[in-house]
Amino acid sequence: MNLNNIFNAFEDDAPLKDKVALFDLQETQAFKLGMFKKIIWNQKGFEKRMEKFMEFMPDMAKMIDADNDAGEFITYVRAWAYIKEFDPTSEQGIDASHIFSDDKTVTACDLAIHFWEEREEYEKCAHIKKVKDLLKKNLLS
């Protein structure tokens, strides 16, 4: 796969063949697992930066509702949109799990399980747990 074609696909006047390469990439199990991890970790990074920012601006912190969990909800719904399509039993899914078997991906699974568990979405928890178990198995081997 030509990576230049993937990046060219983001241009408005990109040839259709470049856009097709991007769509093909988005259908891979590695893309789905990678996006799940990225979405959750980007949210956690944003929260940490916001906390540091608010330490320097206490007056502003009082005006902002930091307990509002709308951002967190959006994060986990978006992350679920990717991980629900991840098949940990497929050959491609197993290969992707080897690529992403690290503490950050396992932690993303833990965070997602905790989030959905609080909302009693146990089917989602069960699917994410299967993914987490596969990742942990890879880490141990």
Protein backbone atom coordinates (compact mmCIF):
# COMPACT_ATOMS: atom_id res chain seq x y z
CA MET A 1 0.00 0.00 0.00
CA ASN A 2 1.38 3.40 -0.97
CA LEU A 3 1.22 5.74 2.04
CA ASN A 4 1.34 8.80 -0.22
CA ASN A 5 -1.97 7.68 -1.71
CA ILE A 6 -3.50 7.55 1.76
CA PHE A 7 -2.42 11.09 2.62
CA ASN A 8 -3.45 12.35 -0.81
CA ALA A 9 -6.95 11.00 -0.17
CA PHE A 10 -7.55 13.82 2.31
CA GLU A 11 -7.31 16.44 -0.41
CA ASP A 12 -10.58 17.63 -1.94
CA ASP A 13 -9.39 17.07 -5.49
CA ALA A 14 -7.80 13.69 -4.74
CA PRO A 15 -8.23 11.02 -7.40
CA LEU A 16 -10.83 8.39 -6.63
CA LYS A 17 -8.17 5.64 -6.49
CA ASP A 18 -6.48 7.46 -3.56
CA LYS A 19 -9.78 7.79 -1.71
CA VAL A 20 -10.44 4.09 -2.25
CA ALA A 21 -7.08 3.27 -0.60
CA LEU A 22 -8.13 5.30 2.44
CA PHE A 23 -11.50 3.54 2.63
CA ASP A 24 -9.77 0.16 2.37
CA LEU A 25 -7.49 1.12 5.26
CA GLN A 26 -10.46 2.15 7.38
CA GLU A 27 -11.94 -1.33 7.02
CA THR A 28 -8.91 -3.09 8.50
CA GLN A 29 -8.95 -4.51 12.00
CA ALA A 30 -5.73 -2.63 12.83
CA PHE A 31 -7.36 0.69 11.95
CA LYS A 32 -10.38 -0.06 14.14
CA LEU A 33 -8.30 -1.07 17.15
CA GLY A 34 -5.89 1.82 16.63
CA MET A 35 -8.69 4.38 16.45
CA PHE A 36 -10.28 2.98 19.61
CA LYS A 37 -7.00 3.45 21.47
CA LYS A 38 -6.30 6.87 19.98
CA ILE A 39 -9.74 8.31 20.75
CA ILE A 40 -9.58 7.30 24.41
CA TRP A 41 -6.00 8.46 24.94
CA ASN A 42 -6.58 11.77 23.17
CA GLN A 43 -9.45 12.47 25.58
CA LYS A 44 -7.29 11.62 28.60
CA GLY A 45 -4.52 13.88 27.30
CA PHE A 46 -6.98 16.72 26.80
CA GLU A 47 -8.31 16.30 30.35
CA LYS A 48 -4.77 16.50 31.78
CA ARG A 49 -3.97 19.63 29.76
CA MET A 50 -7.24 21.22 30.85
CA GLU A 51 -6.51 20.46 34.52
CA LYS A 52 -3.09 22.14 34.24
CA PHE A 53 -4.62 25.11 32.46
CA MET A 54 -7.26 25.50 35.17
CA GLU A 55 -4.61 25.49 37.90
CA PHE A 56 -3.25 28.72 36.41
CA MET A 57 -6.68 30.28 35.94
CA PRO A 58 -8.76 29.57 39.07
CA ASP A 59 -11.32 32.27 38.22
CA MET A 60 -11.93 30.67 34.85
CA ALA A 61 -12.14 27.23 36.46
CA LYS A 62 -15.04 28.43 38.63
CA MET A 63 -16.99 29.48 35.53
CA ILE A 64 -16.45 26.21 33.66
CA ASP A 65 -18.43 23.13 34.64
CA ALA A 66 -15.53 20.68 34.84
CA ASP A 67 -17.81 17.92 36.09
CA ASN A 68 -19.83 17.91 32.87
CA ASP A 69 -19.20 14.49 31.35
CA ALA A 70 -20.52 15.22 27.85
CA GLY A 71 -17.00 15.10 26.43
CA GLU A 72 -16.35 11.79 28.12
CA PHE A 73 -19.63 10.37 26.81
CA ILE A 74 -18.82 11.46 23.25
CA THR A 75 -15.34 9.96 23.56
CA TYR A 76 -16.57 6.53 24.59
CA VAL A 77 -19.40 6.47 22.06
CA ARG A 78 -16.91 7.32 19.31
CA ALA A 79 -14.44 4.72 20.60
CA TRP A 80 -17.24 2.13 20.72
CA ALA A 81 -18.08 2.83 17.07
CA TYR A 82 -14.65 1.45 16.15
CA ILE A 83 -14.16 -1.34 18.68
CA LYS A 84 -17.61 -2.86 18.05
CA GLU A 85 -16.43 -3.61 14.51
CA PHE A 86 -13.20 -5.21 15.75
CA ASP A 87 -13.21 -9.01 15.50
CA PRO A 88 -10.67 -10.49 17.93
CA THR A 89 -11.20 -13.97 16.46
CA SER A 90 -10.36 -13.10 12.85
CA GLU A 91 -6.87 -13.58 11.46
CA GLN A 92 -6.63 -9.84 10.77
CA GLY A 93 -7.87 -9.07 14.30
CA ILE A 94 -5.26 -11.34 15.86
CA ASP A 95 -2.55 -9.68 13.76
CA ALA A 96 -3.79 -6.23 14.81
CA SER A 97 -3.76 -7.28 18.45
CA HIS A 98 -0.05 -8.08 18.15
CA ILE A 99 0.60 -4.58 16.81
CA PHE A 100 -1.37 -2.88 19.59
CA SER A 101 -0.51 -5.15 22.52
CA ASP A 102 0.78 -2.58 24.98
CA ASP A 103 -0.17 -1.11 28.33
CA LYS A 104 -1.91 1.88 26.77
CA THR A 105 -4.28 -0.25 24.70
CA VAL A 106 -5.04 -2.48 27.69
CA THR A 107 -5.68 0.63 29.80
CA ALA A 108 -7.97 2.03 27.08
CA CYS A 109 -9.94 -1.22 27.33
CA ASP A 110 -10.10 -0.91 31.13
CA LEU A 111 -11.32 2.68 30.90
CA ALA A 112 -13.96 1.77 28.32
CA ILE A 113 -15.15 -1.21 30.35
CA HIS A 114 -15.46 0.97 33.43
CA PHE A 115 -17.37 3.64 31.51
CA TRP A 116 -19.86 1.19 29.99
CA GLU A 117 -20.16 -0.81 33.20
CA GLU A 118 -21.38 2.30 35.04
CA ARG A 119 -24.11 2.60 32.40
CA GLU A 120 -24.99 -1.10 32.63
CA GLU A 121 -24.04 -1.74 29.01
CA TYR A 122 -22.73 -5.22 29.73
CA GLU A 123 -22.74 -6.45 26.13
CA LYS A 124 -20.28 -3.70 25.28
CA CYS A 125 -18.19 -4.59 28.33
CA ALA A 126 -18.11 -8.25 27.28
CA HIS A 127 -16.88 -7.42 23.78
CA ILE A 128 -14.19 -5.06 25.04
CA LYS A 129 -13.13 -7.67 27.62
CA LYS A 130 -12.54 -10.18 24.79
CA VAL A 131 -10.29 -7.64 23.10
CA LYS A 132 -8.46 -6.91 26.36
CA ASP A 133 -7.92 -10.62 27.05
CA LEU A 134 -6.38 -11.07 23.62
CA LEU A 135 -4.07 -8.08 24.16
CA LYS A 136 -2.98 -9.34 27.57
CA LYS A 137 -2.36 -12.82 26.17
CA ASN A 138 -0.04 -11.26 23.59
CA LEU A 139 1.77 -9.27 26.28
CA LEU A 140 2.45 -12.43 28.29
CA SER A 141 3.80 -14.40 25.34
